[in-house]
Amino acid sequence: MRIRLNRRGWVVLVGVPVFLLALAGTLLVTMFSNSVMASAYEPVGVQTVEVTVLPGDTLWGLASEFAEGYDVDSAVRYIGEMNSLEGATLQAGQTLQIPVLDQP
């Protein structure tokens, strides 16, 4: 049995796959050319001080000592978020950004 296609049939047979491929290509290009990236800069309006971790340092101790103007619990959470820490363990030599309030 032979199938005969008219002009509309050819448009559907060829046009739909071409359209779907173009749509998929556009989606892939958009996904891989997205300009959203992590920033190495501190957030606007947040003053920080850079501290190098010494042996025996803890997040609580660093927050108590350097996070002027913040309560210690909030500072510990904020330090963890700012530095993308996954836990409370610090490594000697690690550099942390610690928030400080603007001092007049």
N, C-alpha and C. Protein backbone atom coordinates (compact mmCIF):
# COMPACT_ATOMS: atom_id res chain seq x y z
N MET A 1 0.84 -1.17 0.00
CA MET A 1 0.00 0.00 0.00
C MET A 1 0.89 1.24 0.00
N ARG A 2 0.61 2.14 -0.90
CA ARG A 2 1.40 3.34 -1.04
C ARG A 2 0.62 4.52 -0.48
N ILE A 3 1.32 5.37 0.29
CA ILE A 3 0.68 6.54 0.91
C ILE A 3 0.99 7.75 0.04
N ARG A 4 -0.03 8.52 -0.27
CA ARG A 4 0.15 9.73 -1.05
C ARG A 4 -0.05 10.92 -0.12
N LEU A 5 0.87 11.86 -0.20
CA LEU A 5 0.79 13.06 0.64
C LEU A 5 0.56 14.27 -0.25
N ASN A 6 -0.36 15.11 0.17
CA ASN A 6 -0.55 16.37 -0.53
C ASN A 6 0.39 17.41 0.10
N ARG A 7 0.28 18.65 -0.32
CA ARG A 7 1.17 19.70 0.16
C ARG A 7 1.07 19.87 1.67
N ARG A 8 -0.12 19.85 2.22
CA ARG A 8 -0.31 20.00 3.66
C ARG A 8 0.34 18.82 4.42
N GLY A 9 0.25 17.62 3.87
CA GLY A 9 0.87 16.45 4.48
C GLY A 9 2.38 16.58 4.56
N TRP A 10 2.99 17.09 3.47
CA TRP A 10 4.45 17.29 3.47
C TRP A 10 4.85 18.36 4.48
N VAL A 11 4.05 19.41 4.60
CA VAL A 11 4.35 20.46 5.58
C VAL A 11 4.34 19.87 6.99
N VAL A 12 3.34 19.06 7.27
CA VAL A 12 3.25 18.43 8.59
C VAL A 12 4.40 17.45 8.79
N LEU A 13 4.67 16.63 7.79
CA LEU A 13 5.71 15.60 7.90
C LEU A 13 7.10 16.20 8.07
N VAL A 14 7.39 17.29 7.39
CA VAL A 14 8.71 17.91 7.47
C VAL A 14 8.73 19.07 8.46
N GLY A 15 7.69 19.87 8.47
CA GLY A 15 7.68 21.09 9.28
C GLY A 15 7.66 20.85 10.78
N VAL A 16 6.88 19.88 11.22
CA VAL A 16 6.79 19.63 12.67
C VAL A 16 8.14 19.19 13.25
N PRO A 17 8.84 18.21 12.65
CA PRO A 17 10.15 17.85 13.21
C PRO A 17 11.17 19.00 13.17
N VAL A 18 11.15 19.77 12.08
CA VAL A 18 12.07 20.91 11.99
C VAL A 18 11.75 21.92 13.10
N PHE A 19 10.48 22.20 13.32
CA PHE A 19 10.08 23.11 14.39
C PHE A 19 10.52 22.59 15.75
N LEU A 20 10.31 21.31 16.02
CA LEU A 20 10.70 20.73 17.31
C LEU A 20 12.21 20.76 17.51
N LEU A 21 12.98 20.50 16.47
CA LEU A 21 14.44 20.57 16.56
C LEU A 21 14.91 22.00 16.83
N ALA A 22 14.30 22.96 16.15
CA ALA A 22 14.66 24.36 16.38
C ALA A 22 14.33 24.78 17.80
N LEU A 23 13.19 24.34 18.30
CA LEU A 23 12.79 24.64 19.68
C LEU A 23 13.76 24.03 20.68
N ALA A 24 14.16 22.77 20.47
CA ALA A 24 15.11 22.11 21.35
C ALA A 24 16.48 22.80 21.30
N GLY A 25 16.91 23.19 20.10
CA GLY A 25 18.19 23.90 19.97
C GLY A 25 18.18 25.23 20.70
N THR A 26 17.08 25.96 20.57
CA THR A 26 16.96 27.24 21.28
C THR A 26 16.99 27.04 22.78
N LEU A 27 16.32 26.01 23.26
CA LEU A 27 16.31 25.71 24.68
C LEU A 27 17.72 25.38 25.19
N LEU A 28 18.45 24.57 24.44
CA LEU A 28 19.81 24.21 24.84
C LEU A 28 20.74 25.43 24.85
N VAL A 29 20.64 26.25 23.82
CA VAL A 29 21.48 27.46 23.77
C VAL A 29 21.16 28.37 24.94
N THR A 30 19.89 28.52 25.26
CA THR A 30 19.49 29.38 26.37
C THR A 30 19.98 28.84 27.70
N MET A 31 19.91 27.52 27.88
CA MET A 31 20.36 26.92 29.15
C MET A 31 21.85 27.14 29.37
N PHE A 32 22.66 26.96 28.34
CA PHE A 32 24.09 27.02 28.51
C PHE A 32 24.68 28.41 28.35
N SER A 33 23.89 29.37 27.95
CA SER A 33 24.41 30.73 27.83
C SER A 33 23.81 31.65 28.88
N ASN A 34 23.18 31.09 29.90
CA ASN A 34 22.58 31.88 30.96
C ASN A 34 23.69 32.62 31.70
N SER A 35 23.50 33.89 31.97
CA SER A 35 24.55 34.70 32.57
C SER A 35 24.48 34.75 34.09
N VAL A 36 23.66 33.92 34.71
CA VAL A 36 23.58 33.90 36.17
C VAL A 36 24.75 33.10 36.70
N MET A 37 25.59 33.75 37.51
CA MET A 37 26.75 33.08 38.08
C MET A 37 26.89 33.50 39.54
N ALA A 38 27.57 32.68 40.30
CA ALA A 38 27.86 33.05 41.67
C ALA A 38 28.83 34.23 41.66
N SER A 39 28.68 35.07 42.61
CA SER A 39 29.52 36.26 42.67
C SER A 39 30.59 36.10 43.74
N ALA A 40 31.77 36.60 43.45
CA ALA A 40 32.84 36.59 44.43
C ALA A 40 32.82 37.87 45.26
N TYR A 41 31.88 38.73 44.97
CA TYR A 41 31.81 40.00 45.67
C TYR A 41 30.83 39.91 46.83
N GLU A 42 31.09 40.70 47.85
CA GLU A 42 30.18 40.72 48.99
C GLU A 42 28.88 41.42 48.61
N PRO A 43 27.79 41.05 49.27
CA PRO A 43 26.53 41.70 48.97
C PRO A 43 26.58 43.20 49.25
N VAL A 44 25.83 43.95 48.47
CA VAL A 44 25.80 45.40 48.64
C VAL A 44 25.25 45.72 50.02
N GLY A 45 25.91 46.64 50.71
CA GLY A 45 25.43 47.09 52.01
C GLY A 45 25.93 46.27 53.18
N VAL A 46 26.65 45.19 52.93
CA VAL A 46 27.17 44.37 54.02
C VAL A 46 28.68 44.56 54.10
N GLN A 47 29.11 45.13 55.19
CA GLN A 47 30.55 45.28 55.42
C GLN A 47 31.08 43.97 55.99
N THR A 48 32.23 43.54 55.53
CA THR A 48 32.83 42.31 56.05
C THR A 48 34.28 42.55 56.39
N VAL A 49 34.79 41.66 57.22
CA VAL A 49 36.21 41.64 57.51
C VAL A 49 36.69 40.24 57.15
N GLU A 50 37.85 40.15 56.50
CA GLU A 50 38.39 38.86 56.10
C GLU A 50 39.26 38.32 57.22
N VAL A 51 38.98 37.09 57.63
CA VAL A 51 39.70 36.47 58.75
C VAL A 51 40.25 35.12 58.30
N THR A 52 41.50 34.86 58.62
CA THR A 52 42.11 33.56 58.34
C THR A 52 41.98 32.71 59.59
N VAL A 53 41.45 31.51 59.42
CA VAL A 53 41.20 30.61 60.54
C VAL A 53 42.53 30.06 61.07
N LEU A 54 42.69 30.12 62.37
CA LEU A 54 43.86 29.57 63.06
C LEU A 54 43.47 28.25 63.71
N PRO A 55 44.44 27.38 64.01
CA PRO A 55 44.11 26.13 64.68
C PRO A 55 43.34 26.40 65.98
N GLY A 56 42.24 25.68 66.18
CA GLY A 56 41.44 25.82 67.38
C GLY A 56 40.32 26.85 67.27
N ASP A 57 40.28 27.62 66.19
CA ASP A 57 39.20 28.60 66.01
C ASP A 57 37.87 27.90 65.78
N THR A 58 36.80 28.50 66.27
CA THR A 58 35.45 28.00 66.05
C THR A 58 34.61 29.12 65.47
N LEU A 59 33.51 28.74 64.84
CA LEU A 59 32.60 29.75 64.31
C LEU A 59 32.09 30.65 65.43
N TRP A 60 31.73 30.06 66.56
CA TRP A 60 31.22 30.82 67.70
C TRP A 60 32.28 31.83 68.17
N GLY A 61 33.51 31.38 68.30
CA GLY A 61 34.58 32.27 68.76
C GLY A 61 34.85 33.40 67.78
N LEU A 62 34.89 33.08 66.48
CA LEU A 62 35.13 34.13 65.47
C LEU A 62 33.97 35.11 65.43
N ALA A 63 32.74 34.60 65.55
CA ALA A 63 31.57 35.48 65.55
C ALA A 63 31.62 36.40 66.77
N SER A 64 31.99 35.86 67.92
CA SER A 64 32.06 36.66 69.15
C SER A 64 33.12 37.76 69.03
N GLU A 65 34.22 37.40 68.40
CA GLU A 65 35.35 38.33 68.34
C GLU A 65 35.22 39.39 67.24
N PHE A 66 34.75 38.98 66.06
CA PHE A 66 34.80 39.88 64.91
C PHE A 66 33.46 40.45 64.46
N ALA A 67 32.37 39.77 64.69
CA ALA A 67 31.07 40.20 64.15
C ALA A 67 30.48 41.28 65.04
N GLU A 68 31.10 42.43 65.02
CA GLU A 68 30.67 43.54 65.87
C GLU A 68 29.27 44.01 65.47
N GLY A 69 28.42 44.19 66.46
CA GLY A 69 27.08 44.70 66.20
C GLY A 69 26.05 43.62 65.94
N TYR A 70 26.44 42.36 65.85
CA TYR A 70 25.52 41.24 65.63
C TYR A 70 25.46 40.40 66.90
N ASP A 71 24.28 39.79 67.17
CA ASP A 71 24.27 38.81 68.25
C ASP A 71 24.96 37.56 67.71
N VAL A 72 25.59 36.79 68.59
CA VAL A 72 26.47 35.71 68.17
C VAL A 72 25.73 34.63 67.38
N ASP A 73 24.52 34.25 67.81
CA ASP A 73 23.77 33.22 67.07
C ASP A 73 23.51 33.63 65.62
N SER A 74 23.05 34.86 65.43
CA SER A 74 22.79 35.35 64.07
C SER A 74 24.08 35.43 63.27
N ALA A 75 25.15 35.87 63.90
CA ALA A 75 26.43 36.00 63.20
C ALA A 75 26.94 34.64 62.75
N VAL A 76 26.80 33.62 63.58
CA VAL A 76 27.26 32.27 63.21
C VAL A 76 26.50 31.79 61.97
N ARG A 77 25.17 31.96 61.96
CA ARG A 77 24.38 31.55 60.80
C ARG A 77 24.77 32.36 59.56
N TYR A 78 24.95 33.66 59.75
CA TYR A 78 25.28 34.54 58.62
C TYR A 78 26.66 34.21 58.06
N ILE A 79 27.62 33.92 58.91
CA ILE A 79 28.97 33.55 58.45
C ILE A 79 28.90 32.26 57.64
N GLY A 80 28.11 31.30 58.13
CA GLY A 80 27.95 30.04 57.40
C GLY A 80 27.36 30.25 56.03
N GLU A 81 26.34 31.10 55.93
CA GLU A 81 25.70 31.39 54.64
C GLU A 81 26.64 32.14 53.70
N MET A 82 27.30 33.17 54.22
CA MET A 82 28.18 34.00 53.38
C MET A 82 29.34 33.21 52.80
N ASN A 83 29.82 32.22 53.55
CA ASN A 83 31.00 31.48 53.14
C ASN A 83 30.67 30.08 52.62
N SER A 84 29.39 29.80 52.45
CA SER A 84 28.91 28.50 51.93
C SER A 84 29.48 27.33 52.73
N LEU A 85 29.44 27.46 54.05
CA LEU A 85 29.92 26.39 54.91
C LEU A 85 28.83 25.34 55.05
N GLU A 86 29.22 24.07 55.00
CA GLU A 86 28.24 22.99 55.12
C GLU A 86 28.13 22.48 56.55
N GLY A 87 29.00 22.90 57.40
CA GLY A 87 28.97 22.48 58.79
C GLY A 87 29.72 23.49 59.63
N ALA A 88 29.95 23.12 60.88
CA ALA A 88 30.63 24.04 61.79
C ALA A 88 32.14 23.80 61.84
N THR A 89 32.64 22.80 61.12
CA THR A 89 34.06 22.47 61.15
C THR A 89 34.84 23.45 60.28
N LEU A 90 35.87 24.03 60.86
CA LEU A 90 36.74 24.96 60.14
C LEU A 90 38.11 24.34 59.97
N GLN A 91 38.79 24.70 58.90
CA GLN A 91 40.14 24.22 58.65
C GLN A 91 41.13 25.36 58.84
N ALA A 92 42.24 25.10 59.52
CA ALA A 92 43.27 26.12 59.70
C ALA A 92 43.73 26.59 58.33
N GLY A 93 43.87 27.90 58.17
CA GLY A 93 44.29 28.50 56.90
C GLY A 93 43.12 28.90 56.02
N GLN A 94 41.93 28.45 56.35
CA GLN A 94 40.72 28.82 55.61
C GLN A 94 40.45 30.31 55.80
N THR A 95 40.00 30.98 54.76
CA THR A 95 39.69 32.40 54.84
C THR A 95 38.17 32.57 54.86
N LEU A 96 37.68 33.35 55.83
CA LEU A 96 36.25 33.59 55.98
C LEU A 96 35.94 35.07 55.90
N GLN A 97 34.78 35.38 55.33
CA GLN A 97 34.26 36.74 55.36
C GLN A 97 33.30 36.81 56.56
N ILE A 98 33.54 37.76 57.46
CA ILE A 98 32.71 37.90 58.65
C ILE A 98 32.05 39.27 58.61
N PRO A 99 30.70 39.30 58.77
CA PRO A 99 29.99 40.58 58.67
C PRO A 99 30.23 41.47 59.89
N VAL A 100 30.33 42.74 59.62
CA VAL A 100 30.41 43.74 60.70
C VAL A 100 29.47 44.88 60.34
N LEU A 101 28.86 45.45 61.34
CA LEU A 101 27.99 46.60 61.08
C LEU A 101 28.85 47.83 60.85
N ASP A 102 28.34 48.74 60.01
CA ASP A 102 29.04 49.99 59.76
C ASP A 102 29.22 50.73 61.06
N GLN A 103 30.43 51.13 61.31
CA GLN A 103 30.72 51.92 62.50
C GLN A 103 30.90 53.38 62.07
N PRO A 104 30.16 54.31 62.67
CA PRO A 104 30.30 55.72 62.27
C PRO A 104 31.63 56.31 62.67
